[in-house]
């Protein structure tokens, strides 16, 4: 018997919540649908946020409580973020590339993987790997 599931919502532990929200919302086009505390126009420094785009959900959570947050991210912690990559279905990878470049992201052109997927890779501000792909 298989479980009935509907989607997946990865949770990223982020160093700087306002930077992470601006990346996912302003660069990638996600919408903040929920946060704690409630997100306002003046304050993006929340503890947790849920963002959605076309039925895709990503959650962000602060990696540190404010009183324990170091001055800068721990390089050892960020280094392990490359262990996981999120692959998003993207019907027009070339268009996504052009739009992300127009947003100021320094990313390489999409490439076709040996297994037949056209892929566009990028890294978020916390070092998490993201890939937008479609069959070539």
N, C-alpha and C. Protein backbone atom coordinates (compact mmCIF):
# COMPACT_ATOMS: atom_id res chain seq x y z
N UNK A 1 0.85 -1.18 0.00
CA UNK A 1 0.00 0.00 0.00
C UNK A 1 0.89 1.25 0.00
N UNK A 2 0.66 2.15 -0.93
CA UNK A 2 1.42 3.39 -1.01
C UNK A 2 0.72 4.50 -0.24
N UNK A 3 1.50 5.37 0.35
CA UNK A 3 0.95 6.54 1.03
C UNK A 3 0.37 7.50 0.00
N UNK A 4 -0.67 8.18 0.37
CA UNK A 4 -1.18 9.25 -0.48
C UNK A 4 -0.55 10.55 -0.01
N UNK A 5 0.26 11.14 -0.85
CA UNK A 5 0.88 12.43 -0.51
C UNK A 5 0.57 13.43 -1.60
N UNK A 6 0.64 14.68 -1.24
CA UNK A 6 0.35 15.74 -2.19
C UNK A 6 1.41 16.82 -2.06
N UNK A 7 2.47 16.69 -2.84
CA UNK A 7 3.52 17.70 -2.86
C UNK A 7 4.56 17.51 -1.78
N UNK A 8 5.51 18.40 -1.82
CA UNK A 8 6.59 18.42 -0.84
C UNK A 8 6.94 19.88 -0.58
N UNK A 9 7.34 20.19 0.64
CA UNK A 9 7.68 21.57 0.99
C UNK A 9 9.03 21.57 1.71
N UNK A 10 10.13 21.70 0.98
CA UNK A 10 11.43 21.72 1.64
C UNK A 10 11.57 22.94 2.55
N UNK A 11 12.31 22.75 3.63
CA UNK A 11 12.57 23.81 4.60
C UNK A 11 14.06 24.10 4.60
N UNK A 12 14.43 25.34 4.28
CA UNK A 12 15.82 25.77 4.30
C UNK A 12 16.09 26.59 5.55
N UNK A 13 17.16 26.26 6.24
CA UNK A 13 17.63 27.06 7.36
C UNK A 13 18.49 28.18 6.77
N UNK A 14 18.09 29.43 6.94
CA UNK A 14 18.78 30.55 6.30
C UNK A 14 19.47 31.44 7.33
N UNK A 15 20.57 32.05 6.92
CA UNK A 15 21.33 32.91 7.80
C UNK A 15 20.67 34.28 7.94
N UNK A 16 20.27 34.86 6.82
CA UNK A 16 19.72 36.21 6.81
C UNK A 16 18.35 36.16 6.13
N UNK A 17 17.30 36.18 6.93
CA UNK A 17 15.95 36.02 6.39
C UNK A 17 15.57 37.09 5.37
N UNK A 18 15.80 38.39 5.62
CA UNK A 18 15.43 39.38 4.61
C UNK A 18 16.12 39.12 3.25
N UNK A 19 17.38 38.74 3.27
CA UNK A 19 18.10 38.44 2.02
C UNK A 19 17.48 37.23 1.34
N UNK A 20 17.17 36.19 2.09
CA UNK A 20 16.57 34.98 1.52
C UNK A 20 15.20 35.28 0.94
N UNK A 21 14.38 36.03 1.66
CA UNK A 21 13.04 36.37 1.15
C UNK A 21 13.17 37.18 -0.13
N UNK A 22 14.04 38.17 -0.15
CA UNK A 22 14.19 38.99 -1.36
C UNK A 22 14.65 38.14 -2.55
N UNK A 23 15.50 37.14 -2.33
CA UNK A 23 15.96 36.27 -3.40
C UNK A 23 14.79 35.46 -3.96
N UNK A 24 14.11 34.73 -3.10
CA UNK A 24 13.03 33.86 -3.57
C UNK A 24 11.83 34.65 -4.09
N UNK A 25 11.51 35.76 -3.46
CA UNK A 25 10.36 36.57 -3.87
C UNK A 25 10.70 37.46 -5.06
N UNK A 26 11.73 38.26 -4.94
CA UNK A 26 12.01 39.29 -5.95
C UNK A 26 12.78 38.77 -7.16
N UNK A 27 13.63 37.78 -6.97
CA UNK A 27 14.42 37.25 -8.10
C UNK A 27 13.72 36.08 -8.78
N UNK A 28 13.17 35.15 -7.98
CA UNK A 28 12.57 33.95 -8.56
C UNK A 28 11.06 34.07 -8.77
N UNK A 29 10.40 35.01 -8.10
CA UNK A 29 8.98 35.22 -8.31
C UNK A 29 8.05 34.52 -7.34
N UNK A 30 8.58 33.91 -6.28
CA UNK A 30 7.72 33.29 -5.28
C UNK A 30 6.93 34.36 -4.53
N UNK A 31 5.81 33.96 -3.96
CA UNK A 31 4.99 34.86 -3.14
C UNK A 31 5.02 34.36 -1.71
N UNK A 32 5.23 35.26 -0.76
CA UNK A 32 5.16 34.89 0.65
C UNK A 32 3.68 34.71 0.99
N UNK A 33 3.30 33.48 1.38
CA UNK A 33 1.89 33.20 1.68
C UNK A 33 1.63 33.09 3.18
N UNK A 34 2.70 32.91 3.96
CA UNK A 34 2.55 32.83 5.40
C UNK A 34 3.90 33.09 6.05
N UNK A 35 3.88 33.64 7.25
CA UNK A 35 5.13 33.86 7.98
C UNK A 35 4.84 33.99 9.46
N UNK A 36 5.90 33.85 10.24
CA UNK A 36 5.80 34.02 11.69
C UNK A 36 7.01 34.81 12.17
N UNK A 37 6.80 35.98 12.76
CA UNK A 37 5.52 36.69 12.82
C UNK A 37 5.09 37.12 11.42
N UNK A 38 3.92 37.70 11.35
CA UNK A 38 3.36 38.12 10.06
C UNK A 38 4.28 39.12 9.37
N UNK A 39 4.56 38.85 8.10
CA UNK A 39 5.41 39.72 7.28
C UNK A 39 4.66 41.01 6.98
N UNK A 40 5.38 42.13 7.05
CA UNK A 40 4.78 43.41 6.70
C UNK A 40 5.63 44.07 5.63
N UNK A 41 5.13 45.14 5.05
CA UNK A 41 5.88 45.86 4.02
C UNK A 41 7.19 46.43 4.57
N UNK A 42 7.21 46.73 5.84
CA UNK A 42 8.40 47.35 6.43
C UNK A 42 9.35 46.32 7.04
N UNK A 43 8.87 45.14 7.39
CA UNK A 43 9.69 44.17 8.10
C UNK A 43 9.71 42.83 7.37
N UNK A 44 10.90 42.41 6.92
CA UNK A 44 11.08 41.10 6.30
C UNK A 44 11.84 40.15 7.22
N UNK A 45 12.24 40.65 8.39
CA UNK A 45 13.05 39.87 9.30
C UNK A 45 12.13 39.04 10.19
N UNK A 46 11.61 37.96 9.64
CA UNK A 46 10.71 37.07 10.35
C UNK A 46 11.48 35.79 10.71
N UNK A 47 10.88 34.93 11.50
CA UNK A 47 11.54 33.69 11.91
C UNK A 47 11.32 32.56 10.91
N UNK A 48 10.16 32.58 10.26
CA UNK A 48 9.78 31.50 9.34
C UNK A 48 8.90 32.10 8.25
N UNK A 49 9.04 31.58 7.04
CA UNK A 49 8.18 32.03 5.94
C UNK A 49 7.90 30.87 5.00
N UNK A 50 6.68 30.84 4.48
CA UNK A 50 6.30 29.88 3.44
C UNK A 50 6.07 30.68 2.16
N UNK A 51 6.72 30.23 1.09
CA UNK A 51 6.61 30.91 -0.20
C UNK A 51 6.10 29.91 -1.23
N UNK A 52 5.29 30.40 -2.19
CA UNK A 52 4.75 29.53 -3.22
C UNK A 52 4.85 30.18 -4.59
N UNK A 53 4.99 29.33 -5.60
CA UNK A 53 5.01 29.76 -7.00
C UNK A 53 4.45 28.62 -7.84
N UNK A 54 3.32 28.84 -8.47
CA UNK A 54 2.71 27.84 -9.36
C UNK A 54 2.61 26.46 -8.71
N UNK A 55 2.12 26.41 -7.49
CA UNK A 55 1.94 25.13 -6.81
C UNK A 55 3.20 24.56 -6.18
N UNK A 56 4.30 25.26 -6.27
CA UNK A 56 5.56 24.83 -5.66
C UNK A 56 5.76 25.60 -4.36
N UNK A 57 6.12 24.88 -3.30
CA UNK A 57 6.28 25.49 -1.98
C UNK A 57 7.71 25.36 -1.50
N UNK A 58 8.23 26.44 -0.94
CA UNK A 58 9.53 26.46 -0.26
C UNK A 58 9.31 27.16 1.07
N UNK A 59 9.89 26.61 2.13
CA UNK A 59 9.82 27.26 3.43
C UNK A 59 11.22 27.69 3.86
N UNK A 60 11.28 28.82 4.52
CA UNK A 60 12.54 29.37 5.03
C UNK A 60 12.41 29.52 6.54
N UNK A 61 13.47 29.16 7.25
CA UNK A 61 13.49 29.29 8.70
C UNK A 61 14.83 29.87 9.10
N UNK A 62 14.84 30.73 10.10
CA UNK A 62 16.12 31.29 10.53
C UNK A 62 16.97 30.19 11.15
N UNK A 63 18.25 30.17 10.79
CA UNK A 63 19.18 29.16 11.29
C UNK A 63 19.56 29.42 12.75
N UNK A 64 19.42 30.66 13.19
CA UNK A 64 19.83 31.04 14.55
C UNK A 64 18.76 31.92 15.18
N UNK A 65 18.56 31.73 16.46
CA UNK A 65 17.76 32.69 17.20
C UNK A 65 18.55 34.00 17.22
N UNK A 66 17.88 35.16 17.22
CA UNK A 66 18.60 36.43 17.12
C UNK A 66 19.76 36.60 18.10
N UNK A 67 19.57 36.15 19.32
CA UNK A 67 20.63 36.35 20.33
C UNK A 67 21.84 35.43 20.12
N UNK A 68 21.70 34.39 19.28
CA UNK A 68 22.80 33.46 19.03
C UNK A 68 23.38 33.57 17.61
N UNK A 69 22.84 34.48 16.83
CA UNK A 69 23.29 34.61 15.45
C UNK A 69 24.70 35.22 15.39
N UNK A 70 25.65 34.50 14.74
CA UNK A 70 27.00 35.06 14.60
C UNK A 70 27.01 36.23 13.62
N UNK A 71 28.11 36.96 13.58
CA UNK A 71 28.25 38.11 12.69
C UNK A 71 28.22 37.71 11.22
N UNK A 72 28.73 36.52 10.91
CA UNK A 72 28.82 36.06 9.52
C UNK A 72 28.45 34.58 9.47
N UNK A 73 28.01 34.10 8.30
CA UNK A 73 27.70 32.68 8.16
C UNK A 73 28.93 31.81 8.43
N UNK A 74 28.69 30.64 8.96
CA UNK A 74 29.74 29.66 9.22
C UNK A 74 30.08 28.94 7.91
N UNK A 75 31.29 29.12 7.37
CA UNK A 75 31.64 28.48 6.09
C UNK A 75 31.47 26.96 6.11
N UNK A 76 31.74 26.32 7.23
CA UNK A 76 31.58 24.86 7.31
C UNK A 76 30.11 24.46 7.16
N UNK A 77 29.24 25.26 7.73
CA UNK A 77 27.81 24.96 7.63
C UNK A 77 27.33 25.14 6.18
N UNK A 78 27.75 26.21 5.54
CA UNK A 78 27.33 26.47 4.16
C UNK A 78 27.91 25.43 3.20
N UNK A 79 29.11 24.94 3.48
CA UNK A 79 29.73 23.94 2.60
C UNK A 79 28.88 22.69 2.44
N UNK A 80 28.15 22.31 3.48
CA UNK A 80 27.34 21.08 3.39
C UNK A 80 26.01 21.32 2.67
N UNK A 81 25.68 22.56 2.37
CA UNK A 81 24.43 22.84 1.66
C UNK A 81 24.45 22.28 0.24
N UNK A 82 25.61 21.98 -0.29
CA UNK A 82 25.67 21.43 -1.65
C UNK A 82 25.33 19.94 -1.68
N UNK A 83 25.06 19.35 -0.53
CA UNK A 83 24.68 17.93 -0.49
C UNK A 83 23.31 17.68 -1.12
N UNK A 84 22.49 18.72 -1.19
CA UNK A 84 21.13 18.57 -1.71
C UNK A 84 20.90 19.63 -2.78
N UNK A 85 20.19 19.25 -3.82
CA UNK A 85 19.80 20.20 -4.87
C UNK A 85 18.31 20.03 -5.12
N UNK A 86 17.58 21.14 -5.19
CA UNK A 86 16.16 21.08 -5.54
C UNK A 86 16.03 21.22 -7.05
N UNK A 87 15.30 20.32 -7.67
CA UNK A 87 15.06 20.35 -9.11
C UNK A 87 13.62 20.77 -9.35
N UNK A 88 13.46 21.91 -10.00
CA UNK A 88 12.14 22.45 -10.31
C UNK A 88 11.83 22.16 -11.77
N UNK A 89 10.63 21.69 -12.05
CA UNK A 89 10.19 21.57 -13.43
C UNK A 89 10.02 22.97 -14.01
N UNK A 90 10.57 23.19 -15.19
CA UNK A 90 10.54 24.52 -15.80
C UNK A 90 10.33 24.35 -17.30
N UNK A 91 9.16 24.69 -17.82
CA UNK A 91 8.87 24.44 -19.23
C UNK A 91 9.74 25.22 -20.22
N UNK A 92 10.29 26.37 -19.84
CA UNK A 92 11.14 27.16 -20.73
C UNK A 92 12.40 27.60 -19.99
N UNK A 93 13.38 26.72 -19.98
CA UNK A 93 14.62 26.95 -19.25
C UNK A 93 15.39 28.14 -19.82
N UNK A 94 15.35 28.31 -21.14
CA UNK A 94 16.06 29.43 -21.76
C UNK A 94 15.44 30.77 -21.34
N UNK A 95 14.14 30.82 -21.28
CA UNK A 95 13.46 32.04 -20.84
C UNK A 95 13.79 32.32 -19.37
N UNK A 96 13.80 31.27 -18.54
CA UNK A 96 14.16 31.45 -17.13
C UNK A 96 15.58 32.01 -17.03
N UNK A 97 16.49 31.51 -17.85
CA UNK A 97 17.86 32.01 -17.85
C UNK A 97 17.89 33.51 -18.17
N UNK A 98 17.19 33.90 -19.22
CA UNK A 98 17.17 35.32 -19.60
C UNK A 98 16.57 36.18 -18.50
N UNK A 99 15.49 35.73 -17.90
CA UNK A 99 14.83 36.51 -16.85
C UNK A 99 15.71 36.62 -15.60
N UNK A 100 16.38 35.55 -15.23
CA UNK A 100 17.24 35.58 -14.06
C UNK A 100 18.48 36.44 -14.30
N UNK A 101 19.01 36.40 -15.51
CA UNK A 101 20.14 37.28 -15.86
C UNK A 101 19.69 38.74 -15.80
N UNK A 102 18.47 39.02 -16.27
CA UNK A 102 17.94 40.38 -16.22
C UNK A 102 17.75 40.85 -14.77
N UNK A 103 17.55 39.89 -13.86
CA UNK A 103 17.43 40.21 -12.43
C UNK A 103 18.79 40.44 -11.79
N UNK A 104 19.86 40.27 -12.58
CA UNK A 104 21.20 40.52 -12.07
C UNK A 104 21.93 39.31 -11.53
N UNK A 105 21.36 38.12 -11.72
CA UNK A 105 22.04 36.91 -11.23
C UNK A 105 23.14 36.50 -12.20
N UNK A 106 24.30 36.18 -11.66
CA UNK A 106 25.45 35.74 -12.44
C UNK A 106 25.39 34.22 -12.54
N UNK A 107 24.77 33.72 -13.60
CA UNK A 107 24.57 32.28 -13.76
C UNK A 107 25.03 31.86 -15.14
N UNK A 108 25.39 30.58 -15.26
CA UNK A 108 25.82 30.03 -16.54
C UNK A 108 24.61 29.64 -17.38
N UNK A 109 24.80 29.61 -18.69
CA UNK A 109 23.73 29.22 -19.60
C UNK A 109 23.28 27.78 -19.32
N UNK A 110 22.02 27.47 -19.64
CA UNK A 110 21.54 26.10 -19.45
C UNK A 110 22.34 25.12 -20.31
N UNK A 111 22.44 23.90 -19.81
CA UNK A 111 23.14 22.83 -20.54
C UNK A 111 22.26 21.59 -20.53
N UNK A 112 22.49 20.71 -21.51
CA UNK A 112 21.78 19.45 -21.57
C UNK A 112 22.64 18.38 -20.88
N UNK A 113 22.08 17.74 -19.87
CA UNK A 113 22.77 16.68 -19.14
C UNK A 113 22.81 15.41 -19.98
N UNK A 114 23.76 14.52 -19.72
CA UNK A 114 23.87 13.27 -20.49
C UNK A 114 22.59 12.43 -20.47
N UNK A 115 21.75 12.62 -19.45
CA UNK A 115 20.51 11.84 -19.36
C UNK A 115 19.32 12.57 -19.99
N UNK A 116 19.59 13.66 -20.75
CA UNK A 116 18.56 14.26 -21.57
C UNK A 116 17.73 15.38 -20.95
N UNK A 117 18.19 15.96 -19.86
CA UNK A 117 17.45 17.08 -19.26
C UNK A 117 18.21 18.37 -19.52
N UNK A 118 17.49 19.40 -20.01
CA UNK A 118 18.06 20.73 -20.15
C UNK A 118 17.96 21.39 -18.79
N UNK A 119 19.12 21.85 -18.26
CA UNK A 119 19.16 22.30 -16.87
C UNK A 119 19.85 23.64 -16.70
N UNK A 120 19.30 24.42 -15.79
CA UNK A 120 19.85 25.71 -15.41
C UNK A 120 20.09 25.66 -13.90
N UNK A 121 21.35 25.76 -13.49
CA UNK A 121 21.70 25.69 -12.08
C UNK A 121 22.00 27.06 -11.52
N UNK A 122 21.63 27.26 -10.26
CA UNK A 122 22.03 28.45 -9.54
C UNK A 122 22.09 28.13 -8.06
N UNK A 123 22.67 29.04 -7.32
CA UNK A 123 22.84 28.89 -5.88
C UNK A 123 22.15 30.06 -5.19
N UNK A 124 21.40 29.75 -4.13
CA UNK A 124 20.72 30.82 -3.40
C UNK A 124 21.71 31.50 -2.44
N UNK A 125 21.31 32.57 -1.76
CA UNK A 125 22.24 33.30 -0.90
C UNK A 125 22.84 32.48 0.24
N UNK A 126 22.21 31.37 0.60
CA UNK A 126 22.73 30.52 1.67
C UNK A 126 23.51 29.32 1.16
N UNK A 127 23.76 29.26 -0.15
CA UNK A 127 24.55 28.18 -0.70
C UNK A 127 23.75 26.95 -1.09
N UNK A 128 22.42 27.02 -1.04
CA UNK A 128 21.60 25.89 -1.48
C UNK A 128 21.54 25.85 -3.00
N UNK A 129 21.65 24.66 -3.56
CA UNK A 129 21.64 24.47 -5.00
C UNK A 129 20.21 24.35 -5.52
N UNK A 130 19.93 25.06 -6.61
CA UNK A 130 18.63 25.00 -7.27
C UNK A 130 18.85 24.70 -8.74
N UNK A 131 17.98 23.90 -9.33
CA UNK A 131 18.07 23.59 -10.76
C UNK A 131 16.69 23.70 -11.36
N UNK A 132 16.61 24.40 -12.48
CA UNK A 132 15.37 24.51 -13.26
C UNK A 132 15.59 23.65 -14.51
N UNK A 133 14.68 22.72 -14.76
CA UNK A 133 14.94 21.74 -15.82
C UNK A 133 13.67 21.33 -16.56
N UNK A 134 13.93 20.74 -17.76
CA UNK A 134 12.88 20.13 -18.59
C UNK A 134 13.56 19.12 -19.50
N UNK A 135 12.79 18.18 -20.05
CA UNK A 135 13.40 17.27 -21.01
C UNK A 135 13.92 18.05 -22.22
N UNK A 136 15.10 17.67 -22.70
CA UNK A 136 15.70 18.36 -23.85
C UNK A 136 14.98 17.98 -25.13
